[in-house]
Amino acid sequence: MNAEGDEVAVFVIAGSWECSDRGNWDFVLAKKCYGRSTALSLGLSYEELIANVTTDFELYGLNLKPKLSYWLPCQLSMFSVSRRPPVIITSTMGIRNFLNVRRVAVHLNLLLSLDNMSFDNS
């Protein structure tokens, strides 16, 4: 992926992150929820990615906020495999960072967690 417009197909898998009392992280797959494939590029904004995932997983009107993350490959982490936390994507720069990591780990997937939307107006 050299140019801003080049697209890369990435799988998005739904589930939730759980951290044990011992600090071990595990992504538990959502039951009865198929994964989706989406296209990422350096020119894709965070807002566009969230809108694409919301559409692909049919989340409109469900008061659920999608959170995207990934598991940092072993060779890029100073932490032991099970104790390193997942990396969350919260911005367009986060998408760029994911794509740069994916150059080294081509089988890297995005992991989708869903939070209830807060209606706090503070």
C-alpha atoms as a PDB file:
ATOM      1  CA  MET A   1       0.000   0.000   0.000  1.00  0.00           C
ATOM      2  CA  ASN A   2       1.896   3.021  -1.260  1.00  0.00           C
ATOM      3  CA  ALA A   3      -0.636   5.586  -2.340  1.00  0.00           C
ATOM      4  CA  GLU A   4      -3.353   7.151  -0.246  1.00  0.00           C
ATOM      5  CA  GLY A   5      -6.082   5.622  -2.409  1.00  0.00           C
ATOM      6  CA  ASP A   6      -4.822   2.013  -2.303  1.00  0.00           C
ATOM      7  CA  GLU A   7      -7.314  -0.160  -0.454  1.00  0.00           C
ATOM      8  CA  VAL A   8      -6.638  -3.177   1.722  1.00  0.00           C
ATOM      9  CA  ALA A   9      -9.311  -5.736   2.599  1.00  0.00           C
ATOM     10  CA  VAL A  10      -9.534  -6.275   6.361  1.00  0.00           C
ATOM     11  CA  PHE A  11     -11.760  -8.635   8.301  1.00  0.00           C
ATOM     12  CA  VAL A  12     -13.788  -7.242  11.199  1.00  0.00           C
ATOM     13  CA  ILE A  13     -14.695  -9.742  13.906  1.00  0.00           C
ATOM     14  CA  ALA A  14     -17.257  -8.966  16.640  1.00  0.00           C
ATOM     15  CA  GLY A  15     -16.847  -9.865  20.276  1.00  0.00           C
ATOM     16  CA  SER A  16     -15.620  -8.404  23.545  1.00  0.00           C
ATOM     17  CA  TRP A  17     -12.330  -7.989  25.357  1.00  0.00           C
ATOM     18  CA  GLU A  18     -11.987  -9.582  28.761  1.00  0.00           C
ATOM     19  CA  CYS A  19      -9.094  -9.136  31.161  1.00  0.00           C
ATOM     20  CA  SER A  20      -8.625 -11.746  33.880  1.00  0.00           C
ATOM     21  CA  ASP A  21      -7.622 -10.956  37.446  1.00  0.00           C
ATOM     22  CA  ARG A  22      -4.099 -12.032  36.454  1.00  0.00           C
ATOM     23  CA  GLY A  23      -3.964  -9.388  33.719  1.00  0.00           C
ATOM     24  CA  ASN A  24      -4.376 -11.743  30.769  1.00  0.00           C
ATOM     25  CA  TRP A  25      -6.357 -10.347  27.844  1.00  0.00           C
ATOM     26  CA  ASP A  26      -8.651 -12.464  25.683  1.00  0.00           C
ATOM     27  CA  PHE A  27     -11.029 -11.557  22.863  1.00  0.00           C
ATOM     28  CA  VAL A  28     -14.247 -13.590  23.164  1.00  0.00           C
ATOM     29  CA  LEU A  29     -16.083 -13.960  19.866  1.00  0.00           C
ATOM     30  CA  ALA A  30     -19.713 -12.883  19.706  1.00  0.00           C
ATOM     31  CA  LYS A  31     -22.053 -15.817  19.282  1.00  0.00           C
ATOM     32  CA  LYS A  32     -24.266 -15.870  16.214  1.00  0.00           C
ATOM     33  CA  CYS A  33     -22.452 -12.941  14.609  1.00  0.00           C
ATOM     34  CA  TYR A  34     -20.601 -13.369  11.361  1.00  0.00           C
ATOM     35  CA  GLY A  35     -17.472 -11.370  10.626  1.00  0.00           C
ATOM     36  CA  ARG A  36     -17.420  -8.784   7.867  1.00  0.00           C
ATOM     37  CA  SER A  37     -14.860  -7.630   5.340  1.00  0.00           C
ATOM     38  CA  THR A  38     -14.189  -3.945   4.860  1.00  0.00           C
ATOM     39  CA  ALA A  39     -11.719  -1.876   2.862  1.00  0.00           C
ATOM     40  CA  LEU A  40      -9.200   0.428   4.533  1.00  0.00           C
ATOM     41  CA  SER A  41      -6.949   3.015   2.945  1.00  0.00           C
ATOM     42  CA  LEU A  42      -4.677   5.788   4.158  1.00  0.00           C
ATOM     43  CA  GLY A  43      -7.280   8.299   2.956  1.00  0.00           C
ATOM     44  CA  LEU A  44     -10.134   6.787   4.993  1.00  0.00           C
ATOM     45  CA  SER A  45     -11.226   8.892   7.961  1.00  0.00           C
ATOM     46  CA  TYR A  46     -12.114   7.428  11.347  1.00  0.00           C
ATOM     47  CA  GLU A  47     -15.675   8.701  10.968  1.00  0.00           C
ATOM     48  CA  GLU A  48     -16.008   6.951   7.583  1.00  0.00           C
ATOM     49  CA  LEU A  49     -14.685   3.695   9.032  1.00  0.00           C
ATOM     50  CA  ILE A  50     -17.143   3.801  11.942  1.00  0.00           C
ATOM     51  CA  ALA A  51     -19.997   4.569   9.523  1.00  0.00           C
ATOM     52  CA  ASN A  52     -18.960   1.615   7.314  1.00  0.00           C
ATOM     53  CA  VAL A  53     -18.808  -0.765  10.285  1.00  0.00           C
ATOM     54  CA  THR A  54     -22.140   0.541  11.613  1.00  0.00           C
ATOM     55  CA  THR A  55     -23.721  -0.162   8.214  1.00  0.00           C
ATOM     56  CA  ASP A  56     -22.027  -3.545   7.710  1.00  0.00           C
ATOM     57  CA  PHE A  57     -23.088  -4.806  11.153  1.00  0.00           C
ATOM     58  CA  GLU A  58     -26.546  -3.164  10.923  1.00  0.00           C
ATOM     59  CA  LEU A  59     -26.097  -1.177  14.146  1.00  0.00           C
ATOM     60  CA  TYR A  60     -28.273   1.829  13.269  1.00  0.00           C
ATOM     61  CA  GLY A  61     -30.952   2.485  15.872  1.00  0.00           C
ATOM     62  CA  LEU A  62     -29.497   0.024  18.400  1.00  0.00           C
ATOM     63  CA  ASN A  63     -27.887   2.625  20.719  1.00  0.00           C
ATOM     64  CA  LEU A  64     -24.575   0.775  20.434  1.00  0.00           C
ATOM     65  CA  LYS A  65     -21.231   2.470  19.918  1.00  0.00           C
ATOM     66  CA  PRO A  66     -18.697   0.462  17.900  1.00  0.00           C
ATOM     67  CA  LYS A  67     -15.122   0.279  19.207  1.00  0.00           C
ATOM     68  CA  LEU A  68     -12.424  -1.076  16.918  1.00  0.00           C
ATOM     69  CA  SER A  69      -9.198  -2.568  18.181  1.00  0.00           C
ATOM     70  CA  TYR A  70      -6.481  -5.040  17.275  1.00  0.00           C
ATOM     71  CA  TRP A  71      -3.966  -7.300  18.944  1.00  0.00           C
ATOM     72  CA  LEU A  72      -0.398  -6.072  18.492  1.00  0.00           C
ATOM     73  CA  PRO A  73       1.791  -8.786  16.937  1.00  0.00           C
ATOM     74  CA  CYS A  74       4.400 -10.365  19.246  1.00  0.00           C
ATOM     75  CA  GLN A  75       7.388  -8.992  17.369  1.00  0.00           C
ATOM     76  CA  LEU A  76       6.150  -5.409  17.889  1.00  0.00           C
ATOM     77  CA  SER A  77       5.375  -5.636  21.604  1.00  0.00           C
ATOM     78  CA  MET A  78       7.600  -5.488  24.663  1.00  0.00           C
ATOM     79  CA  PHE A  79       4.905  -7.206  26.772  1.00  0.00           C
ATOM     80  CA  SER A  80       4.346 -10.925  27.210  1.00  0.00           C
ATOM     81  CA  VAL A  81       1.822 -12.239  24.733  1.00  0.00           C
ATOM     82  CA  SER A  82      -1.220 -12.567  26.998  1.00  0.00           C
ATOM     83  CA  ARG A  83      -0.579  -9.519  29.186  1.00  0.00           C
ATOM     84  CA  ARG A  84      -0.274  -6.836  26.575  1.00  0.00           C
ATOM     85  CA  PRO A  85      -3.453  -4.797  26.200  1.00  0.00           C
ATOM     86  CA  PRO A  86      -5.284  -4.504  22.883  1.00  0.00           C
ATOM     87  CA  VAL A  87      -4.749  -1.376  20.791  1.00  0.00           C
ATOM     88  CA  ILE A  88      -7.906   0.682  20.226  1.00  0.00           C
ATOM     89  CA  ILE A  89      -8.459   2.823  17.136  1.00  0.00           C
ATOM     90  CA  THR A  90      -9.945   6.221  18.012  1.00  0.00           C
ATOM     91  CA  SER A  91      -8.836   8.466  15.174  1.00  0.00           C
ATOM     92  CA  THR A  92      -7.782   8.685  11.551  1.00  0.00           C
ATOM     93  CA  MET A  93      -4.175   8.467  12.762  1.00  0.00           C
ATOM     94  CA  GLY A  94      -5.118   5.207  14.488  1.00  0.00           C
ATOM     95  CA  ILE A  95      -6.196   3.813  11.103  1.00  0.00           C
ATOM     96  CA  ARG A  96      -2.821   4.814   9.631  1.00  0.00           C
ATOM     97  CA  ASN A  97      -1.010   3.143  12.529  1.00  0.00           C
ATOM     98  CA  PHE A  98      -3.063  -0.041  12.064  1.00  0.00           C
ATOM     99  CA  LEU A  99      -2.238  -0.123   8.358  1.00  0.00           C
ATOM    100  CA  ASN A 100       1.469   0.354   9.102  1.00  0.00           C
ATOM    101  CA  VAL A 101       1.418  -2.515  11.623  1.00  0.00           C
ATOM    102  CA  ARG A 102      -0.506  -4.634   9.112  1.00  0.00           C
ATOM    103  CA  ARG A 103       2.350  -4.303   6.627  1.00  0.00           C
ATOM    104  CA  VAL A 104       4.386  -6.484   9.003  1.00  0.00           C
ATOM    105  CA  ALA A 105       1.473  -8.696  10.108  1.00  0.00           C
ATOM    106  CA  VAL A 106      -0.657  -9.163   6.974  1.00  0.00           C
ATOM    107  CA  HIS A 107      -3.167 -11.426   8.738  1.00  0.00           C
ATOM    108  CA  LEU A 108      -4.075  -8.798  11.335  1.00  0.00           C
ATOM    109  CA  ASN A 109      -7.836  -8.322  11.808  1.00  0.00           C
ATOM    110  CA  LEU A 110      -9.914  -5.566  13.342  1.00  0.00           C
ATOM    111  CA  LEU A 111     -11.839  -6.564  16.439  1.00  0.00           C
ATOM    112  CA  LEU A 112     -15.225  -4.961  17.067  1.00  0.00           C
ATOM    113  CA  SER A 113     -16.605  -4.408  20.550  1.00  0.00           C
ATOM    114  CA  LEU A 114     -19.921  -2.692  21.228  1.00  0.00           C
ATOM    115  CA  ASP A 115     -20.619  -0.293  24.086  1.00  0.00           C
ATOM    116  CA  ASN A 116     -23.991   1.068  25.099  1.00  0.00           C
ATOM    117  CA  MET A 117     -24.267   4.685  24.030  1.00  0.00           C
ATOM    118  CA  SER A 118     -24.286   7.141  26.895  1.00  0.00           C
ATOM    119  CA  PHE A 119     -26.870   9.882  26.885  1.00  0.00           C
ATOM    120  CA  ASP A 120     -24.919  11.953  29.417  1.00  0.00           C
ATOM    121  CA  ASN A 121     -25.092  15.597  28.344  1.00  0.00           C
ATOM    122  CA  SER A 122     -22.340  16.828  30.637  1.00  0.00           C
END
